[in-house]
PDB file of N, CA and C in Angstrom:
ATOM      1  N   MET A   1      -0.470  -4.748 -11.209  1.00  0.00           N
ATOM      2  CA  MET A   1      -0.496  -3.003 -10.393  1.00  0.00           C
ATOM      3  C   MET A   1       0.895  -2.919 -10.221  1.00  0.00           C
ATOM      4  N   ALA A   2       0.539  -1.775 -10.695  1.00  0.00           N
ATOM      5  CA  ALA A   2       2.522  -0.762 -10.177  1.00  0.00           C
ATOM      6  C   ALA A   2       2.279  -0.685  -9.184  1.00  0.00           C
ATOM      7  N   LYS A   3       2.904   0.545  -8.540  1.00  0.00           N
ATOM      8  CA  LYS A   3       3.274   0.805  -7.571  1.00  0.00           C
ATOM      9  C   LYS A   3       2.401   1.673  -6.448  1.00  0.00           C
ATOM     10  N   VAL A   4       1.224   0.836  -6.159  1.00  0.00           N
ATOM     11  CA  VAL A   4       0.077   1.447  -5.576  1.00  0.00           C
ATOM     12  C   VAL A   4      -0.232   0.737  -4.633  1.00  0.00           C
ATOM     13  N   CYS A   5      -0.376   0.897  -3.234  1.00  0.00           N
ATOM     14  CA  CYS A   5      -0.573   0.074  -2.076  1.00  0.00           C
ATOM     15  C   CYS A   5      -2.499   0.321  -2.439  1.00  0.00           C
ATOM     16  N   GLN A   6      -2.289  -0.694  -2.273  1.00  0.00           N
ATOM     17  CA  GLN A   6      -4.117  -1.726  -2.720  1.00  0.00           C
ATOM     18  C   GLN A   6      -4.735  -1.192  -1.487  1.00  0.00           C
ATOM     19  N   VAL A   7      -4.383  -1.027   0.227  1.00  0.00           N
ATOM     20  CA  VAL A   7      -5.212  -0.302   1.150  1.00  0.00           C
ATOM     21  C   VAL A   7      -5.292   1.197   1.011  1.00  0.00           C
ATOM     22  N   THR A   8      -4.805   2.181   0.924  1.00  0.00           N
ATOM     23  CA  THR A   8      -4.218   3.394   1.099  1.00  0.00           C
ATOM     24  C   THR A   8      -4.554   4.311  -0.049  1.00  0.00           C
ATOM     25  N   GLY A   9      -4.125   3.260  -1.144  1.00  0.00           N
ATOM     26  CA  GLY A   9      -3.645   4.529  -2.546  1.00  0.00           C
ATOM     27  C   GLY A   9      -2.478   4.786  -2.763  1.00  0.00           C
ATOM     28  N   LYS A  10      -1.795   4.859  -1.606  1.00  0.00           N
ATOM     29  CA  LYS A  10      -0.386   5.206  -1.913  1.00  0.00           C
ATOM     30  C   LYS A  10       0.435   4.913  -3.377  1.00  0.00           C
ATOM     31  N   LYS A  11       1.045   5.692  -4.537  1.00  0.00           N
ATOM     32  CA  LYS A  11       1.961   6.431  -4.899  1.00  0.00           C
ATOM     33  C   LYS A  11       3.082   6.412  -5.487  1.00  0.00           C
ATOM     34  N   PRO A  12       3.477   6.188  -6.413  1.00  0.00           N
ATOM     35  CA  PRO A  12       4.746   7.530  -6.105  1.00  0.00           C
ATOM     36  C   PRO A  12       4.404   8.902  -6.413  1.00  0.00           C
ATOM     37  N   ILE A  13       5.383  10.177  -6.035  1.00  0.00           N
ATOM     38  CA  ILE A  13       4.717  11.392  -6.357  1.00  0.00           C
ATOM     39  C   ILE A  13       6.518  11.271  -6.742  1.00  0.00           C
ATOM     40  N   VAL A  14       6.735  13.423  -7.299  1.00  0.00           N
ATOM     41  CA  VAL A  14       7.766  13.722  -7.872  1.00  0.00           C
ATOM     42  C   VAL A  14       8.191  14.654  -7.320  1.00  0.00           C
ATOM     43  N   GLY A  15       9.104  14.848  -7.076  1.00  0.00           N
ATOM     44  CA  GLY A  15       9.529  16.133  -6.858  1.00  0.00           C
ATOM     45  C   GLY A  15      11.343  16.147  -7.010  1.00  0.00           C
ATOM     46  N   ASN A  16      12.099  16.868  -6.595  1.00  0.00           N
ATOM     47  CA  ASN A  16      13.022  17.519  -6.835  1.00  0.00           C
ATOM     48  C   ASN A  16      14.105  16.309  -6.088  1.00  0.00           C
ATOM     49  N   SER A  17      15.323  16.236  -6.462  1.00  0.00           N
ATOM     50  CA  SER A  17      16.821  15.889  -6.245  1.00  0.00           C
ATOM     51  C   SER A  17      17.927  16.972  -6.106  1.00  0.00           C
ATOM     52  N   VAL A  18      18.122  17.470  -4.895  1.00  0.00           N
ATOM     53  CA  VAL A  18      18.729  18.616  -4.903  1.00  0.00           C
ATOM     54  C   VAL A  18      19.978  18.503  -5.150  1.00  0.00           C
ATOM     55  N   SER A  19      21.543  18.827  -5.502  1.00  0.00           N
ATOM     56  CA  SER A  19      22.394  18.651  -5.202  1.00  0.00           C
ATOM     57  C   SER A  19      23.196  19.253  -3.831  1.00  0.00           C
ATOM     58  N   HIS A  20      24.652  19.273  -3.428  1.00  0.00           N
ATOM     59  CA  HIS A  20      25.177  20.215  -2.492  1.00  0.00           C
ATOM     60  C   HIS A  20      25.529  21.603  -2.846  1.00  0.00           C
ATOM     61  N   SER A  21      25.194  21.929  -4.405  1.00  0.00           N
ATOM     62  CA  SER A  21      25.143  23.231  -5.059  1.00  0.00           C
ATOM     63  C   SER A  21      24.346  23.574  -5.602  1.00  0.00           C
ATOM     64  N   ASN A  22      23.455  22.937  -4.889  1.00  0.00           N
ATOM     65  CA  ASN A  22      21.467  23.167  -5.740  1.00  0.00           C
ATOM     66  C   ASN A  22      21.059  23.232  -6.634  1.00  0.00           C
ATOM     67  N   ILE A  23      21.626  22.054  -7.546  1.00  0.00           N
ATOM     68  CA  ILE A  23      21.168  21.791  -8.872  1.00  0.00           C
ATOM     69  C   ILE A  23      19.999  21.221  -8.570  1.00  0.00           C
ATOM     70  N   LYS A  24      18.679  21.185  -9.057  1.00  0.00           N
ATOM     71  CA  LYS A  24      17.459  20.190  -9.241  1.00  0.00           C
ATOM     72  C   LYS A  24      17.079  19.046 -10.281  1.00  0.00           C
ATOM     73  N   THR A  25      17.348  18.051 -10.013  1.00  0.00           N
ATOM     74  CA  THR A  25      16.620  17.152 -11.192  1.00  0.00           C
ATOM     75  C   THR A  25      15.967  16.518 -10.510  1.00  0.00           C
ATOM     76  N   LYS A  26      14.764  15.946 -11.267  1.00  0.00           N
ATOM     77  CA  LYS A  26      13.408  15.432 -11.164  1.00  0.00           C
ATOM     78  C   LYS A  26      13.963  14.419 -10.978  1.00  0.00           C
ATOM     79  N   ARG A  27      12.606  13.830  -9.324  1.00  0.00           N
ATOM     80  CA  ARG A  27      12.796  12.320  -8.933  1.00  0.00           C
ATOM     81  C   ARG A  27      11.815  11.390  -8.702  1.00  0.00           C
ATOM     82  N   ARG A  28      11.377  10.259  -8.262  1.00  0.00           N
ATOM     83  CA  ARG A  28      10.373  10.558  -7.916  1.00  0.00           C
ATOM     84  C   ARG A  28      10.678   9.259  -6.242  1.00  0.00           C
ATOM     85  N   PHE A  29      10.049   9.500  -5.591  1.00  0.00           N
ATOM     86  CA  PHE A  29       9.896   9.281  -3.883  1.00  0.00           C
ATOM     87  C   PHE A  29       8.844   7.902  -4.032  1.00  0.00           C
ATOM     88  N   LEU A  30       9.343   6.902  -3.967  1.00  0.00           N
ATOM     89  CA  LEU A  30       8.436   5.784  -3.873  1.00  0.00           C
ATOM     90  C   LEU A  30       7.748   5.056  -2.890  1.00  0.00           C
ATOM     91  N   PRO A  31       6.386   4.846  -2.727  1.00  0.00           N
ATOM     92  CA  PRO A  31       5.879   4.018  -1.424  1.00  0.00           C
ATOM     93  C   PRO A  31       6.489   3.263  -0.874  1.00  0.00           C
ATOM     94  N   ASN A  32       6.303   3.241   0.111  1.00  0.00           N
ATOM     95  CA  ASN A  32       7.288   2.342   0.831  1.00  0.00           C
ATOM     96  C   ASN A  32       6.300   0.858   0.811  1.00  0.00           C
ATOM     97  N   LEU A  33       6.040  -0.104  -0.106  1.00  0.00           N
ATOM     98  CA  LEU A  33       5.292  -1.446  -0.611  1.00  0.00           C
ATOM     99  C   LEU A  33       5.846  -2.717   0.051  1.00  0.00           C
ATOM    100  N   GLN A  34       5.345  -3.146   0.861  1.00  0.00           N
ATOM    101  CA  GLN A  34       5.369  -4.675   0.499  1.00  0.00           C
ATOM    102  C   GLN A  34       4.746  -6.065   0.121  1.00  0.00           C
ATOM    103  N   LYS A  35       4.748  -6.985  -0.290  1.00  0.00           N
ATOM    104  CA  LYS A  35       4.303  -7.768  -0.866  1.00  0.00           C
ATOM    105  C   LYS A  35       3.467  -7.921   0.319  1.00  0.00           C
ATOM    106  N   LYS A  36       2.633  -8.974   1.069  1.00  0.00           N
ATOM    107  CA  LYS A  36       2.243  -9.411   2.525  1.00  0.00           C
ATOM    108  C   LYS A  36       1.228 -10.626   2.177  1.00  0.00           C
ATOM    109  N   ARG A  37       1.183 -11.089   3.106  1.00  0.00           N
ATOM    110  CA  ARG A  37       0.695 -12.585   3.441  1.00  0.00           C
ATOM    111  C   ARG A  37      -0.440 -12.724   4.463  1.00  0.00           C
ATOM    112  N   PHE A  38      -1.748 -12.588   4.074  1.00  0.00           N
ATOM    113  CA  PHE A  38      -2.418 -12.303   5.446  1.00  0.00           C
ATOM    114  C   PHE A  38      -3.324 -13.482   5.520  1.00  0.00           C
ATOM    115  N   PHE A  39      -3.385 -14.423   7.037  1.00  0.00           N
ATOM    116  CA  PHE A  39      -4.549 -15.257   6.699  1.00  0.00           C
ATOM    117  C   PHE A  39      -5.911 -14.623   7.081  1.00  0.00           C
ATOM    118  N   PHE A  40      -7.061 -14.958   6.207  1.00  0.00           N
ATOM    119  CA  PHE A  40      -8.481 -14.639   6.254  1.00  0.00           C
ATOM    120  C   PHE A  40      -9.256 -15.574   7.227  1.00  0.00           C
ATOM    121  N   ALA A  41      -9.188 -15.405   8.652  1.00  0.00           N
ATOM    122  CA  ALA A  41      -9.917 -16.215   9.151  1.00  0.00           C
ATOM    123  C   ALA A  41     -11.357 -17.101   8.670  1.00  0.00           C
ATOM    124  N   GLU A  42     -12.178 -15.749   7.953  1.00  0.00           N
ATOM    125  CA  GLU A  42     -13.328 -16.213   7.340  1.00  0.00           C
ATOM    126  C   GLU A  42     -13.559 -17.231   6.857  1.00  0.00           C
ATOM    127  N   GLU A  43     -12.712 -16.764   5.368  1.00  0.00           N
ATOM    128  CA  GLU A  43     -12.734 -17.245   4.514  1.00  0.00           C
ATOM    129  C   GLU A  43     -11.017 -18.816   4.715  1.00  0.00           C
ATOM    130  N   ASP A  44     -11.433 -18.686   5.914  1.00  0.00           N
ATOM    131  CA  ASP A  44      -9.881 -19.730   6.073  1.00  0.00           C
ATOM    132  C   ASP A  44      -8.768 -20.157   4.570  1.00  0.00           C
ATOM    133  N   ARG A  45      -8.207 -19.013   4.413  1.00  0.00           N
ATOM    134  CA  ARG A  45      -7.153 -18.801   3.428  1.00  0.00           C
ATOM    135  C   ARG A  45      -6.312 -17.610   3.709  1.00  0.00           C
ATOM    136  N   TRP A  46      -5.310 -17.785   2.454  1.00  0.00           N
ATOM    137  CA  TRP A  46      -4.551 -16.964   3.164  1.00  0.00           C
ATOM    138  C   TRP A  46      -4.279 -15.819   1.267  1.00  0.00           C
ATOM    139  N   VAL A  47      -4.452 -14.943   2.122  1.00  0.00           N
ATOM    140  CA  VAL A  47      -4.625 -13.817   1.057  1.00  0.00           C
ATOM    141  C   VAL A  47      -3.349 -12.453   0.882  1.00  0.00           C
ATOM    142  N   SER A  48      -3.107 -12.247  -0.363  1.00  0.00           N
ATOM    143  CA  SER A  48      -2.064 -11.694  -0.696  1.00  0.00           C
ATOM    144  C   SER A  48      -2.382 -10.617  -1.286  1.00  0.00           C
ATOM    145  N   ILE A  49      -1.639  -9.297  -0.342  1.00  0.00           N
ATOM    146  CA  ILE A  49      -1.910  -8.065  -0.545  1.00  0.00           C
ATOM    147  C   ILE A  49      -0.359  -6.948  -0.896  1.00  0.00           C
ATOM    148  N   LYS A  50      -0.687  -6.063  -1.544  1.00  0.00           N
ATOM    149  CA  LYS A  50       0.312  -5.805  -1.848  1.00  0.00           C
ATOM    150  C   LYS A  50       0.127  -4.164  -1.171  1.00  0.00           C
ATOM    151  N   VAL A  51       0.675  -3.574   0.362  1.00  0.00           N
ATOM    152  CA  VAL A  51       0.193  -2.780   1.024  1.00  0.00           C
ATOM    153  C   VAL A  51       1.746  -2.271   1.087  1.00  0.00           C
ATOM    154  N   SER A  52       1.363  -1.620   2.005  1.00  0.00           N
ATOM    155  CA  SER A  52       2.779  -0.074   2.373  1.00  0.00           C
ATOM    156  C   SER A  52       2.461  -0.134   3.756  1.00  0.00           C
ATOM    157  N   THR A  53       3.399   0.097   4.640  1.00  0.00           N
ATOM    158  CA  THR A  53       3.481  -0.135   5.945  1.00  0.00           C
ATOM    159  C   THR A  53       2.789   0.495   6.346  1.00  0.00           C
ATOM    160  N   ASP A  54       2.375   1.632   6.338  1.00  0.00           N
ATOM    161  CA  ASP A  54       1.083   2.720   6.615  1.00  0.00           C
ATOM    162  C   ASP A  54      -0.273   1.838   6.421  1.00  0.00           C
ATOM    163  N   ALA A  55      -0.374   0.840   6.107  1.00  0.00           N
ATOM    164  CA  ALA A  55      -1.190   0.009   5.623  1.00  0.00           C
ATOM    165  C   ALA A  55      -1.658  -1.286   6.451  1.00  0.00           C
ATOM    166  N   ILE A  56       0.020  -1.695   6.902  1.00  0.00           N
ATOM    167  CA  ILE A  56       0.287  -2.850   7.736  1.00  0.00           C
ATOM    168  C   ILE A  56      -0.376  -2.005   8.717  1.00  0.00           C
ATOM    169  N   ARG A  57      -0.518  -1.925   9.408  1.00  0.00           N
ATOM    170  CA  ARG A  57      -0.419  -0.395  10.462  1.00  0.00           C
ATOM    171  C   ARG A  57      -1.882  -0.659  10.576  1.00  0.00           C
ATOM    172  N   THR A  58      -2.740   0.116  10.059  1.00  0.00           N
ATOM    173  CA  THR A  58      -4.292  -0.108   9.937  1.00  0.00           C
ATOM    174  C   THR A  58      -4.417  -1.595   9.624  1.00  0.00           C
ATOM    175  N   ILE A  59      -4.032  -2.003   9.285  1.00  0.00           N
ATOM    176  CA  ILE A  59      -4.834  -3.559   8.983  1.00  0.00           C
ATOM    177  C   ILE A  59      -4.723  -4.234  10.629  1.00  0.00           C
ATOM    178  N   ASN A  60      -3.624  -3.874  11.647  1.00  0.00           N
ATOM    179  CA  ASN A  60      -3.099  -4.714  12.569  1.00  0.00           C
ATOM    180  C   ASN A  60      -4.465  -3.703  13.819  1.00  0.00           C
ATOM    181  N   LYS A  61      -4.718  -2.877  13.554  1.00  0.00           N
ATOM    182  CA  LYS A  61      -5.649  -1.226  14.251  1.00  0.00           C
ATOM    183  C   LYS A  61      -7.055  -2.077  14.074  1.00  0.00           C
ATOM    184  N   ASN A  62      -8.077  -1.881  12.734  1.00  0.00           N
ATOM    185  CA  ASN A  62      -8.702  -2.243  12.530  1.00  0.00           C
ATOM    186  C   ASN A  62      -9.517  -3.780  12.561  1.00  0.00           C
ATOM    187  N   GLY A  63      -8.300  -4.215  11.578  1.00  0.00           N
ATOM    188  CA  GLY A  63      -8.828  -5.841  11.459  1.00  0.00           C
ATOM    189  C   GLY A  63      -8.642  -6.467   9.896  1.00  0.00           C
ATOM    190  N   LEU A  64      -8.260  -7.774   9.726  1.00  0.00           N
ATOM    191  CA  LEU A  64      -8.383  -7.584   8.409  1.00  0.00           C
ATOM    192  C   LEU A  64      -9.279  -7.742   7.336  1.00  0.00           C
ATOM    193  N   ALA A  65     -10.590  -8.348   8.849  1.00  0.00           N
ATOM    194  CA  ALA A  65     -11.926  -8.729   8.098  1.00  0.00           C
ATOM    195  C   ALA A  65     -12.885  -6.937   7.451  1.00  0.00           C
ATOM    196  N   SER A  66     -12.296  -6.063   8.371  1.00  0.00           N
ATOM    197  CA  SER A  66     -12.979  -5.230   7.897  1.00  0.00           C
ATOM    198  C   SER A  66     -12.619  -3.854   6.740  1.00  0.00           C
ATOM    199  N   VAL A  67     -11.237  -3.817   6.335  1.00  0.00           N
ATOM    200  CA  VAL A  67     -10.340  -3.603   5.544  1.00  0.00           C
ATOM    201  C   VAL A  67     -10.815  -4.637   4.105  1.00  0.00           C
ATOM    202  N   ILE A  68     -11.083  -5.923   4.479  1.00  0.00           N
ATOM    203  CA  ILE A  68     -11.165  -6.853   3.292  1.00  0.00           C
ATOM    204  C   ILE A  68     -12.894  -6.530   3.193  1.00  0.00           C
ATOM    205  N   LYS A  69     -13.535  -5.964   3.554  1.00  0.00           N
ATOM    206  CA  LYS A  69     -15.293  -5.529   3.439  1.00  0.00           C
ATOM    207  C   LYS A  69     -14.887  -4.305   2.808  1.00  0.00           C
ATOM    208  N   GLY A  70     -14.052  -3.587   3.366  1.00  0.00           N
ATOM    209  CA  GLY A  70     -14.092  -1.971   2.104  1.00  0.00           C
ATOM    210  C   GLY A  70     -13.525  -1.753   1.057  1.00  0.00           C
ATOM    211  N   LEU A  71     -12.352  -2.871   0.583  1.00  0.00           N
ATOM    212  CA  LEU A  71     -12.027  -3.092  -0.508  1.00  0.00           C
ATOM    213  C   LEU A  71     -13.043  -3.883  -1.472  1.00  0.00           C
ATOM    214  N   ARG A  72     -13.746  -4.816  -1.366  1.00  0.00           N
ATOM    215  CA  ARG A  72     -14.213  -5.339  -2.029  1.00  0.00           C
ATOM    216  C   ARG A  72     -15.800  -4.049  -2.181  1.00  0.00           C
ATOM    217  N   ALA A  73     -16.234  -3.269  -1.100  1.00  0.00           N
ATOM    218  CA  ALA A  73     -17.079  -2.832  -1.176  1.00  0.00           C
ATOM    219  C   ALA A  73     -16.716  -1.870  -2.834  1.00  0.00           C
ATOM    220  N   GLU A  74     -15.352  -1.415  -2.731  1.00  0.00           N
ATOM    221  CA  GLU A  74     -15.098   0.038  -3.603  1.00  0.00           C
ATOM    222  C   GLU A  74     -14.964  -0.935  -4.975  1.00  0.00           C
ATOM    223  N   GLY A  75     -14.945  -2.998  -5.077  1.00  0.00           N
ATOM    224  CA  GLY A  75     -14.829  -3.244  -5.981  1.00  0.00           C
ATOM    225  C   GLY A  75     -13.189  -4.014  -6.458  1.00  0.00           C
ATOM    226  N   VAL A  76     -12.237  -3.842  -5.588  1.00  0.00           N
ATOM    227  CA  VAL A  76     -11.629  -4.624  -5.490  1.00  0.00           C
ATOM    228  C   VAL A  76     -11.212  -5.940  -5.268  1.00  0.00           C
ATOM    229  N   LYS A  77     -10.699  -6.773  -6.441  1.00  0.00           N
ATOM    230  CA  LYS A  77     -10.636  -8.585  -6.209  1.00  0.00           C
ATOM    231  C   LYS A  77     -10.073  -9.088  -5.493  1.00  0.00           C
ATOM    232  N   ILE A  78     -10.826  -9.421  -4.342  1.00  0.00           N
ATOM    233  CA  ILE A  78      -9.741 -10.020  -3.361  1.00  0.00           C
ATOM    234  C   ILE A  78      -9.895 -11.654  -2.951  1.00  0.00           C
TER     235      ILE A  78
END
């Protein structure tokens, strides 16, 4: 999978890089992705997910079990 967060779906967006002389050239803004391992206690195993830092906060807030349940409902293989 490319530079896409598996939880939030964040992906690169396109914008302009603006120089001091106001010359605009195309560039990509990449999401802050991390390959993170979480221990999934319900299945007693480690799960590797490519997530953004925003998604890590979501997992901390809602719990890993509810996030994985939502991903599996969408058809993502975890």
